[in-house]
Amino acid sequence: MAEGLTHFDRQGRARMVDVGGKEETERQAVARGWVRLRPETLALVRAGRMAKGDVLGVAQVAGIMAAKRTSELIPMCHPLPLTAVELNFELSEEESAIHIEARVRTIARTGVEMEALTAVAAAALTIYDMCKAVDRSMEIGGIVLWEKTGGKSGTYRRSAEALPAPEEGEDGRIR
């Protein structure tokens, strides 16, 4: 296995990393993503007129619940005692999108990157679920780790050049 891939043993089998020898430190992770939707759908969300109810309120609860249950969803994640989970939403008429940010904190032996990413993904999927009756063309994307602090590896902040933006082909598929 490639050097640095800690979730594999010497035989190449998946394993949960032993974090027992690591020091407990304060850790935080921020993840971001977005849901693009038709302008009419965004207007319904903003006005609170979606038939299923308060879209952003339900998405916020879904994101928090998902962060708390990440270790049940992602096989090699350690269950962590989260100290805080915050979700923020920004509605953009210009982009016809809802931007999602999750900020997760803990005091533990391993980081909360997966919890923050899972929170964003669950919130985005919840927005889709709550709006799909009027807009099945919604698009979920851009889910990335934006920042992480704490632990042995210190601070990571995503740079604007981290990955090139995906290109859409004539068939509408991302390349």
C-alpha atoms as a PDB file:
ATOM      1  CA  MET A   1       0.000   0.000   0.000  1.00  0.00           C
ATOM      2  CA  ALA A   2       1.084   3.555  -0.637  1.00  0.00           C
ATOM      3  CA  GLU A   3       2.894   5.275   2.178  1.00  0.00           C
ATOM      4  CA  GLY A   4       0.633   7.444   4.294  1.00  0.00           C
ATOM      5  CA  LEU A   5      -2.567   5.426   3.816  1.00  0.00           C
ATOM      6  CA  THR A   6      -3.175   4.586   7.446  1.00  0.00           C
ATOM      7  CA  HIS A   7      -6.437   2.666   6.994  1.00  0.00           C
ATOM      8  CA  PHE A   8      -4.682  -0.377   5.482  1.00  0.00           C
ATOM      9  CA  ASP A   9      -2.628  -3.031   7.240  1.00  0.00           C
ATOM     10  CA  ARG A  10       0.550  -4.621   5.830  1.00  0.00           C
ATOM     11  CA  GLN A  11      -1.524  -7.115   3.833  1.00  0.00           C
ATOM     12  CA  GLY A  12      -3.576  -4.305   2.241  1.00  0.00           C
ATOM     13  CA  ARG A  13      -6.725  -5.020   4.264  1.00  0.00           C
ATOM     14  CA  ALA A  14      -8.855  -2.235   5.663  1.00  0.00           C
ATOM     15  CA  ARG A  15      -8.369  -1.434   9.328  1.00  0.00           C
ATOM     16  CA  MET A  16      -9.427   1.102  11.894  1.00  0.00           C
ATOM     17  CA  VAL A  17      -6.417   3.178  12.969  1.00  0.00           C
ATOM     18  CA  ASP A  18      -5.423   2.821  16.633  1.00  0.00           C
ATOM     19  CA  VAL A  19      -5.545   6.331  18.115  1.00  0.00           C
ATOM     20  CA  GLY A  20      -5.066   5.163  21.715  1.00  0.00           C
ATOM     21  CA  GLY A  21      -1.567   6.586  21.957  1.00  0.00           C
ATOM     22  CA  LYS A  22      -2.514  10.014  20.620  1.00  0.00           C
ATOM     23  CA  GLU A  23      -3.075  13.008  22.865  1.00  0.00           C
ATOM     24  CA  GLU A  24      -6.561  14.442  23.290  1.00  0.00           C
ATOM     25  CA  THR A  25      -6.609  17.932  21.818  1.00  0.00           C
ATOM     26  CA  GLU A  26      -9.204  20.466  20.801  1.00  0.00           C
ATOM     27  CA  ARG A  27     -10.066  19.926  17.143  1.00  0.00           C
ATOM     28  CA  GLN A  28     -12.305  21.690  14.652  1.00  0.00           C
ATOM     29  CA  ALA A  29     -13.243  21.129  11.037  1.00  0.00           C
ATOM     30  CA  VAL A  30     -15.175  23.272   8.578  1.00  0.00           C
ATOM     31  CA  ALA A  31     -16.727  21.800   5.439  1.00  0.00           C
ATOM     32  CA  ARG A  32     -18.684  23.495   2.677  1.00  0.00           C
ATOM     33  CA  GLY A  33     -20.915  22.526  -0.214  1.00  0.00           C
ATOM     34  CA  TRP A  34     -23.875  23.761  -2.214  1.00  0.00           C
ATOM     35  CA  VAL A  35     -27.208  22.891  -3.782  1.00  0.00           C
ATOM     36  CA  ARG A  36     -28.103  24.582  -7.058  1.00  0.00           C
ATOM     37  CA  LEU A  37     -31.785  24.867  -7.788  1.00  0.00           C
ATOM     38  CA  ARG A  38     -34.152  26.717 -10.061  1.00  0.00           C
ATOM     39  CA  PRO A  39     -34.722  30.371  -9.113  1.00  0.00           C
ATOM     40  CA  GLU A  40     -38.425  29.646  -8.464  1.00  0.00           C
ATOM     41  CA  THR A  41     -37.480  26.865  -6.055  1.00  0.00           C
ATOM     42  CA  LEU A  42     -35.002  29.090  -4.240  1.00  0.00           C
ATOM     43  CA  ALA A  43     -37.762  31.715  -3.886  1.00  0.00           C
ATOM     44  CA  LEU A  44     -40.071  29.110  -2.311  1.00  0.00           C
ATOM     45  CA  VAL A  45     -37.353  28.104   0.154  1.00  0.00           C
ATOM     46  CA  ARG A  46     -36.655  31.745   1.046  1.00  0.00           C
ATOM     47  CA  ALA A  47     -40.367  32.459   1.556  1.00  0.00           C
ATOM     48  CA  GLY A  48     -40.876  29.319   3.651  1.00  0.00           C
ATOM     49  CA  ARG A  49     -43.550  28.095   1.222  1.00  0.00           C
ATOM     50  CA  MET A  50     -42.283  24.581   0.485  1.00  0.00           C
ATOM     51  CA  ALA A  51     -45.030  22.008   1.103  1.00  0.00           C
ATOM     52  CA  LYS A  52     -42.840  19.830   3.352  1.00  0.00           C
ATOM     53  CA  GLY A  53     -42.103  22.733   5.682  1.00  0.00           C
ATOM     54  CA  ASP A  54     -39.058  24.706   6.823  1.00  0.00           C
ATOM     55  CA  VAL A  55     -36.400  23.422   4.424  1.00  0.00           C
ATOM     56  CA  LEU A  56     -33.387  25.006   6.087  1.00  0.00           C
ATOM     57  CA  GLY A  57     -34.578  24.208   9.607  1.00  0.00           C
ATOM     58  CA  VAL A  58     -34.972  20.535   8.764  1.00  0.00           C
ATOM     59  CA  ALA A  59     -31.656  20.505   6.834  1.00  0.00           C
ATOM     60  CA  GLN A  60     -29.927  21.990   9.873  1.00  0.00           C
ATOM     61  CA  VAL A  61     -31.250  19.233  12.152  1.00  0.00           C
ATOM     62  CA  ALA A  62     -30.323  16.572   9.561  1.00  0.00           C
ATOM     63  CA  GLY A  63     -26.768  17.903   9.353  1.00  0.00           C
ATOM     64  CA  ILE A  64     -26.361  17.881  13.125  1.00  0.00           C
ATOM     65  CA  MET A  65     -27.782  14.361  13.404  1.00  0.00           C
ATOM     66  CA  ALA A  66     -25.536  13.111  10.596  1.00  0.00           C
ATOM     67  CA  ALA A  67     -22.409  14.577  12.210  1.00  0.00           C
ATOM     68  CA  LYS A  68     -23.275  12.782  15.447  1.00  0.00           C
ATOM     69  CA  ARG A  69     -23.726   9.452  13.610  1.00  0.00           C
ATOM     70  CA  THR A  70     -20.802   9.635  11.185  1.00  0.00           C
ATOM     71  CA  SER A  71     -19.049   6.607  12.679  1.00  0.00           C
ATOM     72  CA  GLU A  72     -22.160   4.538  11.868  1.00  0.00           C
ATOM     73  CA  LEU A  73     -22.054   5.627   8.223  1.00  0.00           C
ATOM     74  CA  ILE A  74     -18.328   5.708   7.402  1.00  0.00           C
ATOM     75  CA  PRO A  75     -16.764   2.322   8.218  1.00  0.00           C
ATOM     76  CA  MET A  76     -13.339   3.359   9.574  1.00  0.00           C
ATOM     77  CA  CYS A  77     -14.408   6.466  11.512  1.00  0.00           C
ATOM     78  CA  HIS A  78     -14.042   6.501  15.284  1.00  0.00           C
ATOM     79  CA  PRO A  79     -17.104   7.500  17.316  1.00  0.00           C
ATOM     80  CA  LEU A  80     -16.326  10.936  18.741  1.00  0.00           C
ATOM     81  CA  PRO A  81     -17.759  13.030  21.571  1.00  0.00           C
ATOM     82  CA  LEU A  82     -18.714  16.143  19.615  1.00  0.00           C
ATOM     83  CA  THR A  83     -18.741  19.361  21.613  1.00  0.00           C
ATOM     84  CA  ALA A  84     -20.463  21.481  18.946  1.00  0.00           C
ATOM     85  CA  VAL A  85     -22.016  21.215  15.489  1.00  0.00           C
ATOM     86  CA  GLU A  86     -23.069  24.381  13.662  1.00  0.00           C
ATOM     87  CA  LEU A  87     -24.644  24.610  10.221  1.00  0.00           C
ATOM     88  CA  ASN A  88     -25.048  27.842   8.291  1.00  0.00           C
ATOM     89  CA  PHE A  89     -26.873  28.425   5.033  1.00  0.00           C
ATOM     90  CA  GLU A  90     -26.480  31.275   2.576  1.00  0.00           C
ATOM     91  CA  LEU A  91     -29.028  31.728  -0.202  1.00  0.00           C
ATOM     92  CA  SER A  92     -27.589  33.188  -3.388  1.00  0.00           C
ATOM     93  CA  GLU A  93     -29.985  34.507  -6.030  1.00  0.00           C
ATOM     94  CA  GLU A  94     -27.034  35.298  -8.291  1.00  0.00           C
ATOM     95  CA  GLU A  95     -25.955  31.630  -8.383  1.00  0.00           C
ATOM     96  CA  SER A  96     -29.432  30.220  -7.721  1.00  0.00           C
ATOM     97  CA  ALA A  97     -27.880  28.166  -4.951  1.00  0.00           C
ATOM     98  CA  ILE A  98     -27.907  27.421  -1.258  1.00  0.00           C
ATOM     99  CA  HIS A  99     -24.403  27.391   0.205  1.00  0.00           C
ATOM    100  CA  ILE A 100     -23.929  25.143   3.229  1.00  0.00           C
ATOM    101  CA  GLU A 101     -21.209  25.365   5.862  1.00  0.00           C
ATOM    102  CA  ALA A 102     -20.738  22.954   8.767  1.00  0.00           C
ATOM    103  CA  ARG A 103     -18.396  23.633  11.683  1.00  0.00           C
ATOM    104  CA  VAL A 104     -17.759  20.702  14.040  1.00  0.00           C
ATOM    105  CA  ARG A 105     -15.710  20.690  17.254  1.00  0.00           C
ATOM    106  CA  THR A 106     -14.450  18.065  19.692  1.00  0.00           C
ATOM    107  CA  ILE A 107     -11.782  17.349  22.256  1.00  0.00           C
ATOM    108  CA  ALA A 108     -10.490  13.963  21.151  1.00  0.00           C
ATOM    109  CA  ARG A 109      -7.608  11.867  19.796  1.00  0.00           C
ATOM    110  CA  THR A 110      -8.665  12.195  16.165  1.00  0.00           C
ATOM    111  CA  GLY A 111     -10.155  14.908  13.976  1.00  0.00           C
ATOM    112  CA  VAL A 112     -13.701  15.762  12.957  1.00  0.00           C
ATOM    113  CA  GLU A 113     -13.201  16.263   9.208  1.00  0.00           C
ATOM    114  CA  MET A 114     -15.518  13.392   8.302  1.00  0.00           C
ATOM    115  CA  GLU A 115     -18.189  14.662  10.684  1.00  0.00           C
ATOM    116  CA  ALA A 116     -18.163  18.105   9.055  1.00  0.00           C
ATOM    117  CA  LEU A 117     -18.267  16.635   5.529  1.00  0.00           C
ATOM    118  CA  THR A 118     -21.074  14.259   6.499  1.00  0.00           C
ATOM    119  CA  ALA A 119     -23.059  17.135   8.009  1.00  0.00           C
ATOM    120  CA  VAL A 120     -22.846  19.111   4.746  1.00  0.00           C
ATOM    121  CA  ALA A 121     -23.789  16.073   2.653  1.00  0.00           C
ATOM    122  CA  ALA A 122     -26.808  15.238   4.822  1.00  0.00           C
ATOM    123  CA  ALA A 123     -27.987  18.851   4.834  1.00  0.00           C
ATOM    124  CA  ALA A 124     -27.689  19.004   1.028  1.00  0.00           C
ATOM    125  CA  LEU A 125     -29.566  15.724   0.587  1.00  0.00           C
ATOM    126  CA  THR A 126     -32.277  16.960   2.941  1.00  0.00           C
ATOM    127  CA  ILE A 127     -32.692  20.148   0.908  1.00  0.00           C
ATOM    128  CA  TYR A 128     -33.047  17.979  -2.195  1.00  0.00           C
ATOM    129  CA  ASP A 129     -35.603  15.737  -0.497  1.00  0.00           C
ATOM    130  CA  MET A 130     -37.680  18.649   0.730  1.00  0.00           C
ATOM    131  CA  CYS A 131     -37.710  20.408  -2.652  1.00  0.00           C
ATOM    132  CA  LYS A 132     -37.820  17.499  -5.120  1.00  0.00           C
ATOM    133  CA  ALA A 133     -41.585  17.697  -5.599  1.00  0.00           C
ATOM    134  CA  VAL A 134     -41.128  21.006  -7.418  1.00  0.00           C
ATOM    135  CA  ASP A 135     -37.564  20.698  -8.760  1.00  0.00           C
ATOM    136  CA  ARG A 136     -35.923  17.380  -9.607  1.00  0.00           C
ATOM    137  CA  SER A 137     -33.167  19.182 -11.535  1.00  0.00           C
ATOM    138  CA  MET A 138     -31.340  20.302  -8.402  1.00  0.00           C
ATOM    139  CA  GLU A 139     -27.606  19.688  -8.285  1.00  0.00           C
ATOM    140  CA  ILE A 140     -25.511  18.963  -5.199  1.00  0.00           C
ATOM    141  CA  GLY A 141     -21.801  19.667  -5.317  1.00  0.00           C
ATOM    142  CA  GLY A 142     -18.643  21.297  -4.107  1.00  0.00           C
ATOM    143  CA  ILE A 143     -18.491  19.349  -0.837  1.00  0.00           C
ATOM    144  CA  VAL A 144     -14.992  20.003   0.475  1.00  0.00           C
ATOM    145  CA  LEU A 145     -12.999  20.256   3.668  1.00  0.00           C
ATOM    146  CA  TRP A 146     -12.425  23.977   4.009  1.00  0.00           C
ATOM    147  CA  GLU A 147     -10.364  24.031   7.185  1.00  0.00           C
ATOM    148  CA  LYS A 148      -9.224  21.848  10.050  1.00  0.00           C
ATOM    149  CA  THR A 149      -7.359  22.718  13.220  1.00  0.00           C
ATOM    150  CA  GLY A 150      -5.821  20.738  16.060  1.00  0.00           C
ATOM    151  CA  GLY A 151      -4.026  17.464  16.359  1.00  0.00           C
ATOM    152  CA  LYS A 152      -0.517  16.453  15.376  1.00  0.00           C
ATOM    153  CA  SER A 153      -0.816  17.676  11.775  1.00  0.00           C
ATOM    154  CA  GLY A 154      -1.895  21.162  12.870  1.00  0.00           C
ATOM    155  CA  THR A 155      -3.897  23.522  10.689  1.00  0.00           C
ATOM    156  CA  TYR A 156      -5.078  22.961   7.129  1.00  0.00           C
ATOM    157  CA  ARG A 157      -6.803  25.662   5.093  1.00  0.00           C
ATOM    158  CA  ARG A 158      -8.034  24.918   1.607  1.00  0.00           C
ATOM    159  CA  SER A 159      -6.401  27.030  -1.056  1.00  0.00           C
ATOM    160  CA  ALA A 160      -8.311  28.356  -4.038  1.00  0.00           C
ATOM    161  CA  GLU A 161      -6.080  26.249  -6.272  1.00  0.00           C
ATOM    162  CA  ALA A 162      -6.681  22.941  -4.429  1.00  0.00           C
ATOM    163  CA  LEU A 163      -8.481  21.332  -7.374  1.00  0.00           C
ATOM    164  CA  PRO A 164      -9.478  22.681 -10.768  1.00  0.00           C
ATOM    165  CA  ALA A 165     -13.178  23.372 -11.232  1.00  0.00           C
ATOM    166  CA  PRO A 166     -14.990  20.569 -13.030  1.00  0.00           C
ATOM    167  CA  GLU A 167     -15.964  21.125 -16.639  1.00  0.00           C
ATOM    168  CA  GLU A 168     -19.337  20.237 -18.069  1.00  0.00           C
ATOM    169  CA  GLY A 169     -19.389  18.476 -21.425  1.00  0.00           C
ATOM    170  CA  GLU A 170     -21.929  18.946 -24.196  1.00  0.00           C
ATOM    171  CA  ASP A 171     -23.877  15.976 -22.830  1.00  0.00           C
ATOM    172  CA  GLY A 172     -24.232  17.755 -19.478  1.00  0.00           C
ATOM    173  CA  ARG A 173     -21.905  15.370 -17.658  1.00  0.00           C
ATOM    174  CA  ILE A 174     -19.058  16.609 -15.512  1.00  0.00           C
ATOM    175  CA  ARG A 175     -15.582  15.686 -16.828  1.00  0.00           C
END
